[in-house]
Amino acid sequence: MTATISTATPSRVRSLPVLLATEDDAEDMGLLAPDDRLTCHVHGRWIHQCVASPAHVSPVTRHRWCRGCRTELAVAVDELSLTVSMSCPRCGHGGSAATTRLTVACRASLTAERDARRAA
């Protein structure tokens, strides 16, 4: 089992490049689970900015995947209201523990980006 440190509520405001590097290091050391990242190491962005990419769909782990419909979940990110939702375009459901964690990370990413912009 991998130990997890949460970056969902950073103790101080960090810029995207700093948080990317910090999360990369923490993940490499086994201190941060990939599902709990606020940044995307693949795209080099905040996770909420690229979560709709096909790279973030996994039928195996059920990240953004509806097992019953065998369909990629649709993503809606509202940066004004800081809301994120994911649902199956066929059945309207498709939730999983993995998608829930990804949604939580996206919401935290929205907040972290907003805080970083305010601090700049």
N, C-alpha and C. Protein backbone atom coordinates (compact mmCIF):
# COMPACT_ATOMS: atom_id res chain seq x y z
N MET A 1 0.84 -1.18 0.00
CA MET A 1 0.00 0.00 0.00
C MET A 1 0.88 1.24 0.00
N THR A 2 0.49 2.23 -0.78
CA THR A 2 1.26 3.45 -0.90
C THR A 2 0.81 4.47 0.13
N ALA A 3 1.77 5.06 0.81
CA ALA A 3 1.44 6.14 1.74
C ALA A 3 0.99 7.35 0.93
N THR A 4 0.14 8.13 1.52
CA THR A 4 -0.37 9.29 0.80
C THR A 4 -0.27 10.53 1.66
N ILE A 5 0.31 11.57 1.07
CA ILE A 5 0.21 12.88 1.69
C ILE A 5 -0.77 13.66 0.85
N SER A 6 -1.55 14.44 1.47
CA SER A 6 -2.57 15.17 0.74
C SER A 6 -2.07 16.55 0.37
N THR A 7 -2.19 16.88 -0.92
CA THR A 7 -1.88 18.23 -1.36
C THR A 7 -3.18 18.99 -1.60
N ALA A 8 -4.30 18.38 -1.21
CA ALA A 8 -5.60 18.99 -1.45
C ALA A 8 -5.76 20.31 -0.69
N THR A 9 -5.09 20.45 0.44
CA THR A 9 -5.14 21.70 1.18
C THR A 9 -3.71 22.13 1.49
N PRO A 10 -3.04 22.72 0.50
CA PRO A 10 -1.66 23.11 0.73
C PRO A 10 -1.54 24.14 1.86
N SER A 11 -0.48 24.02 2.66
CA SER A 11 -0.31 24.92 3.78
C SER A 11 0.08 26.31 3.32
N ARG A 12 0.65 26.41 2.14
CA ARG A 12 0.97 27.72 1.58
C ARG A 12 0.68 27.69 0.08
N VAL A 13 0.52 28.85 -0.48
CA VAL A 13 0.20 28.96 -1.90
C VAL A 13 1.45 28.67 -2.71
N ARG A 14 1.31 27.80 -3.71
CA ARG A 14 2.44 27.44 -4.57
C ARG A 14 2.07 27.68 -6.02
N SER A 15 3.04 28.10 -6.80
CA SER A 15 2.81 28.28 -8.23
C SER A 15 2.75 26.91 -8.90
N LEU A 16 2.20 26.86 -10.09
CA LEU A 16 2.09 25.59 -10.81
C LEU A 16 3.44 24.89 -10.97
N PRO A 17 4.49 25.56 -11.46
CA PRO A 17 5.77 24.84 -11.62
C PRO A 17 6.32 24.28 -10.31
N VAL A 18 6.17 25.02 -9.23
CA VAL A 18 6.66 24.55 -7.93
C VAL A 18 5.85 23.36 -7.45
N LEU A 19 4.53 23.44 -7.58
CA LEU A 19 3.69 22.33 -7.13
C LEU A 19 3.90 21.09 -8.01
N LEU A 20 4.09 21.27 -9.32
CA LEU A 20 4.38 20.13 -10.20
C LEU A 20 5.63 19.39 -9.71
N ALA A 21 6.68 20.13 -9.47
CA ALA A 21 7.94 19.52 -9.03
C ALA A 21 7.79 18.86 -7.66
N THR A 22 7.08 19.54 -6.76
CA THR A 22 6.86 18.99 -5.41
C THR A 22 6.06 17.69 -5.48
N GLU A 23 5.00 17.68 -6.28
CA GLU A 23 4.19 16.48 -6.40
C GLU A 23 4.94 15.35 -7.10
N ASP A 24 5.74 15.69 -8.10
CA ASP A 24 6.57 14.67 -8.76
C ASP A 24 7.48 13.99 -7.75
N ASP A 25 8.15 14.80 -6.95
CA ASP A 25 9.07 14.26 -5.95
C ASP A 25 8.33 13.41 -4.91
N ALA A 26 7.20 13.92 -4.41
CA ALA A 26 6.44 13.19 -3.40
C ALA A 26 5.92 11.87 -3.96
N GLU A 27 5.46 11.89 -5.21
CA GLU A 27 4.98 10.65 -5.83
C GLU A 27 6.13 9.65 -6.00
N ASP A 28 7.28 10.13 -6.46
CA ASP A 28 8.45 9.26 -6.64
C ASP A 28 8.91 8.63 -5.33
N MET A 29 8.73 9.34 -4.23
CA MET A 29 9.13 8.83 -2.92
C MET A 29 8.05 7.98 -2.27
N GLY A 30 6.90 7.84 -2.94
CA GLY A 30 5.82 7.04 -2.38
C GLY A 30 5.01 7.75 -1.32
N LEU A 31 5.13 9.06 -1.26
CA LEU A 31 4.42 9.85 -0.26
C LEU A 31 3.11 10.43 -0.77
N LEU A 32 2.89 10.36 -2.08
CA LEU A 32 1.69 10.93 -2.69
C LEU A 32 1.15 9.94 -3.71
N ALA A 33 -0.11 9.58 -3.57
CA ALA A 33 -0.75 8.71 -4.54
C ALA A 33 -1.05 9.51 -5.80
N PRO A 34 -0.89 8.91 -6.98
CA PRO A 34 -1.16 9.64 -8.23
C PRO A 34 -2.57 10.24 -8.28
N ASP A 35 -3.54 9.57 -7.67
CA ASP A 35 -4.92 10.08 -7.67
C ASP A 35 -5.10 11.36 -6.87
N ASP A 36 -4.16 11.67 -6.00
CA ASP A 36 -4.30 12.82 -5.13
C ASP A 36 -3.55 14.05 -5.63
N ARG A 37 -2.97 13.96 -6.81
CA ARG A 37 -2.24 15.10 -7.37
C ARG A 37 -3.18 16.22 -7.77
N LEU A 38 -2.73 17.45 -7.60
CA LEU A 38 -3.46 18.63 -8.07
C LEU A 38 -2.95 19.05 -9.44
N THR A 39 -1.81 18.50 -9.83
CA THR A 39 -1.20 18.82 -11.12
C THR A 39 -1.10 17.55 -11.95
N CYS A 40 -0.91 17.74 -13.25
CA CYS A 40 -0.78 16.60 -14.16
C CYS A 40 0.65 16.54 -14.68
N HIS A 41 1.35 15.46 -14.37
CA HIS A 41 2.72 15.33 -14.84
C HIS A 41 2.79 15.06 -16.34
N VAL A 42 1.72 14.58 -16.94
CA VAL A 42 1.69 14.31 -18.38
C VAL A 42 1.57 15.61 -19.17
N HIS A 43 0.64 16.47 -18.75
CA HIS A 43 0.35 17.70 -19.50
C HIS A 43 1.03 18.94 -18.92
N GLY A 44 1.57 18.84 -17.71
CA GLY A 44 2.22 19.99 -17.08
C GLY A 44 1.25 21.11 -16.76
N ARG A 45 0.04 20.73 -16.35
CA ARG A 45 -1.00 21.71 -16.05
C ARG A 45 -1.69 21.34 -14.74
N TRP A 46 -2.58 22.22 -14.30
CA TRP A 46 -3.45 21.88 -13.19
C TRP A 46 -4.34 20.73 -13.65
N ILE A 47 -4.65 19.79 -12.78
CA ILE A 47 -5.40 18.61 -13.20
C ILE A 47 -6.78 18.97 -13.74
N HIS A 48 -7.42 19.98 -13.20
CA HIS A 48 -8.75 20.35 -13.69
C HIS A 48 -8.71 20.90 -15.12
N GLN A 49 -7.55 21.36 -15.57
CA GLN A 49 -7.42 21.91 -16.91
C GLN A 49 -7.28 20.85 -17.99
N CYS A 50 -6.90 19.64 -17.61
CA CYS A 50 -6.68 18.61 -18.63
C CYS A 50 -7.39 17.30 -18.32
N VAL A 51 -8.21 17.26 -17.29
CA VAL A 51 -8.87 16.02 -16.89
C VAL A 51 -9.76 15.47 -18.00
N ALA A 52 -10.23 16.30 -18.91
CA ALA A 52 -11.09 15.84 -20.01
C ALA A 52 -10.30 15.16 -21.12
N SER A 53 -8.99 15.16 -21.02
CA SER A 53 -8.15 14.51 -22.03
C SER A 53 -8.34 12.99 -21.99
N PRO A 54 -8.30 12.34 -23.15
CA PRO A 54 -8.38 10.87 -23.18
C PRO A 54 -7.27 10.19 -22.36
N ALA A 55 -6.18 10.90 -22.11
CA ALA A 55 -5.09 10.33 -21.30
C ALA A 55 -5.53 10.05 -19.87
N HIS A 56 -6.62 10.69 -19.43
CA HIS A 56 -7.09 10.51 -18.05
C HIS A 56 -8.24 9.51 -17.94
N VAL A 57 -8.46 8.73 -18.97
CA VAL A 57 -9.50 7.70 -18.96
C VAL A 57 -8.83 6.34 -18.81
N SER A 58 -9.32 5.53 -17.86
CA SER A 58 -8.77 4.20 -17.69
C SER A 58 -9.88 3.20 -17.37
N PRO A 59 -10.21 2.34 -18.34
CA PRO A 59 -11.20 1.30 -18.07
C PRO A 59 -10.74 0.32 -16.98
N VAL A 60 -9.44 0.17 -16.82
CA VAL A 60 -8.91 -0.78 -15.83
C VAL A 60 -9.15 -0.26 -14.41
N THR A 61 -8.78 0.99 -14.16
CA THR A 61 -8.92 1.54 -12.81
C THR A 61 -10.27 2.24 -12.62
N ARG A 62 -11.00 2.44 -13.69
CA ARG A 62 -12.31 3.11 -13.73
C ARG A 62 -12.21 4.61 -13.51
N HIS A 63 -11.06 5.21 -13.80
CA HIS A 63 -10.96 6.66 -13.82
C HIS A 63 -11.70 7.15 -15.06
N ARG A 64 -12.73 7.95 -14.84
CA ARG A 64 -13.53 8.53 -15.92
C ARG A 64 -14.08 7.46 -16.86
N TRP A 65 -14.53 6.36 -16.29
CA TRP A 65 -15.01 5.25 -17.11
C TRP A 65 -16.28 4.64 -16.51
N CYS A 66 -17.29 4.44 -17.35
CA CYS A 66 -18.51 3.76 -16.93
C CYS A 66 -18.37 2.29 -17.32
N ARG A 67 -18.25 1.43 -16.33
CA ARG A 67 -18.06 0.00 -16.60
C ARG A 67 -19.27 -0.60 -17.32
N GLY A 68 -20.47 -0.27 -16.87
CA GLY A 68 -21.69 -0.83 -17.45
C GLY A 68 -21.88 -0.47 -18.92
N CYS A 69 -21.60 0.77 -19.26
CA CYS A 69 -21.80 1.23 -20.65
C CYS A 69 -20.53 1.13 -21.50
N ARG A 70 -19.41 0.86 -20.83
CA ARG A 70 -18.12 0.85 -21.53
C ARG A 70 -17.90 2.15 -22.29
N THR A 71 -18.08 3.22 -21.54
CA THR A 71 -18.05 4.56 -22.12
C THR A 71 -17.22 5.51 -21.26
N GLU A 72 -16.52 6.40 -21.93
CA GLU A 72 -15.77 7.46 -21.27
C GLU A 72 -16.75 8.45 -20.63
N LEU A 73 -16.47 8.85 -19.40
CA LEU A 73 -17.33 9.81 -18.73
C LEU A 73 -17.11 11.22 -19.28
N ALA A 74 -18.19 11.97 -19.37
CA ALA A 74 -18.10 13.37 -19.76
C ALA A 74 -17.67 14.18 -18.54
N VAL A 75 -16.96 15.27 -18.78
CA VAL A 75 -16.44 16.11 -17.71
C VAL A 75 -16.97 17.52 -17.87
N ALA A 76 -17.39 18.11 -16.76
CA ALA A 76 -17.78 19.51 -16.75
C ALA A 76 -17.02 20.21 -15.63
N VAL A 77 -16.23 21.21 -15.99
CA VAL A 77 -15.45 21.98 -15.02
C VAL A 77 -15.91 23.43 -15.13
N ASP A 78 -16.39 23.99 -14.03
CA ASP A 78 -16.81 25.38 -13.99
C ASP A 78 -15.83 26.13 -13.09
N GLU A 79 -14.95 26.91 -13.70
CA GLU A 79 -13.93 27.61 -12.94
C GLU A 79 -14.48 28.78 -12.13
N LEU A 80 -15.65 29.27 -12.46
CA LEU A 80 -16.25 30.36 -11.68
C LEU A 80 -16.83 29.86 -10.38
N SER A 81 -17.58 28.77 -10.45
CA SER A 81 -18.21 28.23 -9.23
C SER A 81 -17.35 27.17 -8.55
N LEU A 82 -16.19 26.86 -9.14
CA LEU A 82 -15.25 25.86 -8.60
C LEU A 82 -15.91 24.49 -8.47
N THR A 83 -16.68 24.11 -9.49
CA THR A 83 -17.36 22.81 -9.46
C THR A 83 -16.84 21.91 -10.57
N VAL A 84 -16.87 20.63 -10.29
CA VAL A 84 -16.43 19.61 -11.25
C VAL A 84 -17.42 18.47 -11.18
N SER A 85 -17.85 17.97 -12.33
CA SER A 85 -18.70 16.78 -12.33
C SER A 85 -18.29 15.88 -13.49
N MET A 86 -18.52 14.60 -13.29
CA MET A 86 -18.23 13.59 -14.31
C MET A 86 -19.40 12.63 -14.34
N SER A 87 -19.90 12.34 -15.54
CA SER A 87 -21.03 11.41 -15.65
C SER A 87 -21.00 10.73 -17.01
N CYS A 88 -21.66 9.60 -17.07
CA CYS A 88 -21.73 8.82 -18.30
C CYS A 88 -22.74 9.47 -19.24
N PRO A 89 -22.36 9.72 -20.49
CA PRO A 89 -23.30 10.33 -21.43
C PRO A 89 -24.42 9.38 -21.84
N ARG A 90 -24.27 8.09 -21.57
CA ARG A 90 -25.30 7.11 -21.92
C ARG A 90 -26.30 6.90 -20.80
N CYS A 91 -25.81 6.54 -19.60
CA CYS A 91 -26.73 6.20 -18.50
C CYS A 91 -26.86 7.29 -17.45
N GLY A 92 -25.95 8.28 -17.49
CA GLY A 92 -26.00 9.36 -16.52
C GLY A 92 -25.29 9.06 -15.22
N HIS A 93 -24.76 7.86 -15.06
CA HIS A 93 -24.09 7.46 -13.82
C HIS A 93 -22.60 7.28 -14.10
N GLY A 94 -22.08 6.11 -13.82
CA GLY A 94 -20.69 5.79 -14.13
C GLY A 94 -19.70 6.13 -13.04
N GLY A 95 -20.18 6.44 -11.86
CA GLY A 95 -19.27 6.79 -10.79
C GLY A 95 -18.46 5.61 -10.29
N SER A 96 -17.31 5.90 -9.75
CA SER A 96 -16.44 4.88 -9.14
C SER A 96 -15.59 5.58 -8.08
N ALA A 97 -14.95 4.80 -7.25
CA ALA A 97 -14.06 5.38 -6.24
C ALA A 97 -12.94 6.17 -6.90
N ALA A 98 -12.41 5.64 -8.01
CA ALA A 98 -11.32 6.33 -8.72
C ALA A 98 -11.79 7.66 -9.29
N THR A 99 -12.97 7.69 -9.87
CA THR A 99 -13.49 8.93 -10.43
C THR A 99 -13.81 9.93 -9.32
N THR A 100 -14.29 9.44 -8.18
CA THR A 100 -14.55 10.32 -7.04
C THR A 100 -13.27 10.98 -6.58
N ARG A 101 -12.20 10.21 -6.47
CA ARG A 101 -10.90 10.79 -6.07
C ARG A 101 -10.41 11.81 -7.08
N LEU A 102 -10.60 11.51 -8.36
CA LEU A 102 -10.19 12.44 -9.41
C LEU A 102 -11.01 13.73 -9.34
N THR A 103 -12.29 13.62 -9.07
CA THR A 103 -13.15 14.79 -8.94
C THR A 103 -12.71 15.65 -7.75
N VAL A 104 -12.41 15.02 -6.63
CA VAL A 104 -11.94 15.74 -5.45
C VAL A 104 -10.62 16.46 -5.77
N ALA A 105 -9.71 15.79 -6.46
CA ALA A 105 -8.44 16.41 -6.82
C ALA A 105 -8.66 17.60 -7.75
N CYS A 106 -9.60 17.48 -8.67
CA CYS A 106 -9.90 18.60 -9.59
C CYS A 106 -10.45 19.80 -8.84
N ARG A 107 -11.32 19.56 -7.89
CA ARG A 107 -11.87 20.67 -7.09
C ARG A 107 -10.76 21.35 -6.29
N ALA A 108 -9.89 20.56 -5.71
CA ALA A 108 -8.77 21.13 -4.97
C ALA A 108 -7.82 21.87 -5.90
N SER A 109 -7.64 21.36 -7.11
CA SER A 109 -6.81 22.01 -8.12
C SER A 109 -7.38 23.37 -8.50
N LEU A 110 -8.69 23.44 -8.66
CA LEU A 110 -9.34 24.73 -8.96
C LEU A 110 -9.05 25.75 -7.87
N THR A 111 -9.17 25.32 -6.63
CA THR A 111 -8.93 26.21 -5.50
C THR A 111 -7.46 26.62 -5.43
N ALA A 112 -6.56 25.67 -5.65
CA ALA A 112 -5.12 25.97 -5.59
C ALA A 112 -4.73 26.94 -6.70
N GLU A 113 -5.29 26.75 -7.90
CA GLU A 113 -4.97 27.67 -8.99
C GLU A 113 -5.48 29.07 -8.67
N ARG A 114 -6.70 29.16 -8.16
CA ARG A 114 -7.27 30.46 -7.80
C ARG A 114 -6.40 31.15 -6.74
N ASP A 115 -5.98 30.40 -5.73
CA ASP A 115 -5.15 30.96 -4.67
C ASP A 115 -3.79 31.40 -5.21
N ALA A 116 -3.22 30.63 -6.13
CA ALA A 116 -1.93 30.99 -6.73
C ALA A 116 -2.06 32.27 -7.56
N ARG A 117 -3.16 32.42 -8.28
CA ARG A 117 -3.38 33.64 -9.06
C ARG A 117 -3.53 34.85 -8.15
N ARG A 118 -4.25 34.68 -7.05
CA ARG A 118 -4.43 35.79 -6.11
C ARG A 118 -3.12 36.20 -5.46
N ALA A 119 -2.26 35.23 -5.19
CA ALA A 119 -0.98 35.52 -4.53
C ALA A 119 0.04 36.14 -5.47
N ALA A 120 -0.17 35.96 -6.78
CA ALA A 120 0.81 36.47 -7.76
C ALA A 120 0.76 37.97 -7.89
